[in-house]
Amino acid sequence: MIAPEYVRTMAAYNAWQNDSLYAVVGTLSDSDRRRDRGAFFGSIHATLNHLLWGDQIWMSRFAGTPPPRAGTIPDSPSQVEDWEALMRERKAFDGVISEWADGISTEWLGGDLTWHSQAAGRELSAPRALLVAHMFNHGTHHRGQVHAMLTQAGARPDDTDLMLLSTRT
């Protein structure tokens, strides 16, 4: 399904897009970041928290990193209340993902993962390759929501096209 190079490319894309969005979000006031804009998690701040939470929960399953502080999806939007702390944690965790991606193997991707899903309320199993693709797709989905909320707020986020990753200067 996917190869190690895909994982490394998506880890780089993930970090690039998070850096880009956080730079623009950082220009907003705290009240603008926390304003309910009608997205699934409400605000920009809450959506970015959930995105970090999602990466942390999947990496805890893939690589044995510590699970997120918030124990459940409903708690994820308030996992990190302080904006500066959220920025630092995001940046650091993007490094964790990139380091993990650098060591990924075809053999590992070819296996299955079994975990207990609180969302489903039961044990699930699925191919690791599918779950890795899901983690990166989840991030792209929620960054798209943040991008739309920033546009609504009058900010101008950078381009998000994956093909532009290789042309960054």
Protein backbone atom coordinates (compact mmCIF):
# COMPACT_ATOMS: atom_id res chain seq x y z
CA MET A 1 0.00 0.00 0.00
CA ILE A 2 2.62 2.58 1.07
CA ALA A 3 6.40 2.55 1.31
CA PRO A 4 8.88 4.09 3.77
CA GLU A 5 9.54 6.98 1.36
CA TYR A 6 5.85 7.90 1.49
CA VAL A 7 6.01 7.99 5.30
CA ARG A 8 9.10 10.22 5.24
CA THR A 9 7.50 12.52 2.65
CA MET A 10 4.32 12.82 4.68
CA ALA A 11 6.26 13.47 7.89
CA ALA A 12 8.07 16.33 6.13
CA TYR A 13 4.79 17.64 4.71
CA ASN A 14 3.15 17.39 8.14
CA ALA A 15 5.94 19.43 9.77
CA TRP A 16 6.00 22.00 6.95
CA GLN A 17 2.26 22.55 7.06
CA ASN A 18 2.14 22.72 10.85
CA ASP A 19 4.96 25.31 10.86
CA SER A 20 3.12 27.29 8.19
CA LEU A 21 -0.25 27.27 9.97
CA TYR A 22 1.16 27.97 13.41
CA ALA A 23 3.01 31.02 12.04
CA VAL A 24 -0.25 32.48 10.74
CA VAL A 25 -2.33 31.43 13.76
CA GLY A 26 0.28 33.09 15.97
CA THR A 27 -0.61 36.47 14.45
CA LEU A 28 -4.18 36.22 15.80
CA SER A 29 -5.24 37.34 19.23
CA ASP A 30 -5.96 34.67 21.82
CA SER A 31 -9.67 35.45 21.61
CA ASP A 32 -9.59 35.06 17.80
CA ARG A 33 -7.80 31.70 18.14
CA ARG A 34 -10.44 30.51 20.61
CA ARG A 35 -13.52 31.93 18.83
CA ASP A 36 -16.04 29.26 17.86
CA ARG A 37 -16.04 29.29 14.07
CA GLY A 38 -18.44 26.42 13.52
CA ALA A 39 -15.83 23.75 12.78
CA PHE A 40 -16.17 20.27 14.28
CA PHE A 41 -14.04 21.22 17.30
CA GLY A 42 -15.20 24.84 17.24
CA SER A 43 -12.11 27.00 17.34
CA ILE A 44 -8.71 27.13 15.73
CA HIS A 45 -7.04 26.49 19.10
CA ALA A 46 -9.26 23.49 19.85
CA THR A 47 -8.75 22.00 16.38
CA LEU A 48 -4.97 22.35 16.62
CA ASN A 49 -5.12 20.66 20.04
CA HIS A 50 -7.13 17.78 18.62
CA LEU A 51 -4.69 17.42 15.72
CA LEU A 52 -1.75 17.18 18.14
CA TRP A 53 -3.73 14.70 20.23
CA GLY A 54 -4.43 12.54 17.18
CA ASP A 55 -0.76 12.44 16.20
CA GLN A 56 0.20 11.58 19.77
CA ILE A 57 -2.32 8.76 20.14
CA TRP A 58 -1.27 7.15 16.86
CA MET A 59 2.43 7.52 17.59
CA SER A 60 1.90 5.94 21.01
CA ARG A 61 0.49 2.95 19.16
CA PHE A 62 3.11 2.92 16.39
CA ALA A 63 6.27 3.78 18.30
CA GLY A 64 5.46 3.48 21.99
CA THR A 65 5.73 7.21 22.64
CA PRO A 66 3.80 8.53 25.65
CA PRO A 67 0.06 8.83 24.99
CA PRO A 68 -1.51 12.29 24.98
CA ARG A 69 -2.42 13.89 28.32
CA ALA A 70 -6.08 14.10 27.31
CA GLY A 71 -7.46 10.60 27.56
CA THR A 72 -10.30 10.84 25.07
CA ILE A 73 -11.31 12.53 21.84
CA PRO A 74 -13.85 14.76 23.67
CA ASP A 75 -11.04 15.96 25.97
CA SER A 76 -8.58 16.55 23.12
CA PRO A 77 -9.60 20.13 22.23
CA SER A 78 -8.47 21.40 25.64
CA GLN A 79 -5.35 19.27 26.06
CA VAL A 80 -2.97 22.27 26.00
CA GLU A 81 -4.59 25.52 27.08
CA ASP A 82 -1.61 27.87 26.71
CA TRP A 83 -0.86 28.95 23.14
CA GLU A 84 2.91 29.17 23.59
CA ALA A 85 2.98 25.71 25.15
CA LEU A 86 0.87 24.31 22.31
CA MET A 87 3.29 25.76 19.74
CA ARG A 88 6.31 24.26 21.53
CA GLU A 89 4.66 20.88 21.92
CA ARG A 90 3.60 20.77 18.26
CA LYS A 91 7.09 21.63 17.03
CA ALA A 92 8.72 19.05 19.29
CA PHE A 93 6.26 16.34 18.32
CA ASP A 94 6.77 16.98 14.62
CA GLY A 95 10.41 16.13 15.33
CA VAL A 96 9.33 12.87 16.98
CA ILE A 97 7.25 11.95 13.93
CA SER A 98 10.10 12.78 11.54
CA GLU A 99 12.60 10.75 13.54
CA TRP A 100 10.21 7.79 13.60
CA ALA A 101 9.59 8.12 9.85
CA ASP A 102 13.33 8.09 9.16
CA GLY A 103 13.55 4.64 10.74
CA ILE A 104 10.41 3.06 9.28
CA SER A 105 10.82 -0.19 7.33
CA THR A 106 8.85 -1.94 4.64
CA GLU A 107 8.57 -4.96 6.93
CA TRP A 108 7.03 -2.92 9.77
CA LEU A 109 4.54 -1.32 7.37
CA GLY A 110 3.60 -4.78 6.12
CA GLY A 111 2.33 -5.91 9.51
CA ASP A 112 -0.90 -5.38 11.41
CA LEU A 113 -1.61 -3.37 14.55
CA THR A 114 -4.10 -4.35 17.22
CA TRP A 115 -5.22 -1.73 19.75
CA HIS A 116 -8.13 -0.83 21.96
CA SER A 117 -10.12 2.00 20.38
CA GLN A 118 -12.04 4.16 22.82
CA ALA A 119 -13.90 5.68 19.87
CA ALA A 120 -15.13 2.26 18.74
CA GLY A 121 -15.36 0.89 22.28
CA ARG A 122 -13.51 -2.32 21.39
CA GLU A 123 -10.31 -3.89 20.19
CA LEU A 124 -9.51 -3.31 16.52
CA SER A 125 -6.88 -4.63 14.12
CA ALA A 126 -5.81 -3.14 10.81
CA PRO A 127 -2.78 -3.04 8.51
CA ARG A 128 -0.13 -0.65 9.82
CA ALA A 129 0.29 0.90 6.36
CA LEU A 130 -3.39 1.83 6.31
CA LEU A 131 -3.19 3.30 9.82
CA VAL A 132 -0.10 5.37 9.00
CA ALA A 133 -1.88 6.74 5.92
CA HIS A 134 -4.87 7.45 8.17
CA MET A 135 -2.74 9.41 10.66
CA PHE A 136 -1.40 11.68 7.94
CA ASN A 137 -4.82 12.00 6.28
CA HIS A 138 -6.34 12.96 9.65
CA GLY A 139 -3.78 15.74 9.97
CA THR A 140 -4.44 17.02 6.47
CA HIS A 141 -8.18 17.01 7.13
CA HIS A 142 -7.97 19.06 10.32
CA ARG A 143 -5.31 21.43 8.96
CA GLY A 144 -7.77 22.08 6.12
CA GLN A 145 -10.35 23.07 8.70
CA VAL A 146 -7.86 25.41 10.36
CA HIS A 147 -6.97 26.85 6.95
CA ALA A 148 -10.64 27.61 6.31
CA MET A 149 -11.09 29.17 9.75
CA LEU A 150 -8.02 31.36 9.19
CA THR A 151 -9.45 32.52 5.88
CA GLN A 152 -12.72 33.35 7.66
CA ALA A 153 -10.69 35.33 10.21
CA GLY A 154 -9.14 37.40 7.42
CA ALA A 155 -5.71 35.74 7.59
CA ARG A 156 -3.88 34.45 4.52
CA PRO A 157 -2.44 30.97 5.10
CA ASP A 158 0.24 29.61 2.80
CA ASP A 159 -0.41 27.11 0.03
CA THR A 160 -0.99 23.53 1.13
CA ASP A 161 -0.31 21.60 -2.08
CA LEU A 162 1.83 18.53 -1.44
CA MET A 163 3.62 19.00 -4.77
CA LEU A 164 5.07 22.27 -3.44
CA LEU A 165 6.95 20.45 -0.68
CA SER A 166 9.81 19.63 -3.06
CA THR A 167 10.02 23.25 -4.30
CA ARG A 168 10.41 24.90 -0.89
CA THR A 169 13.46 27.10 -0.59
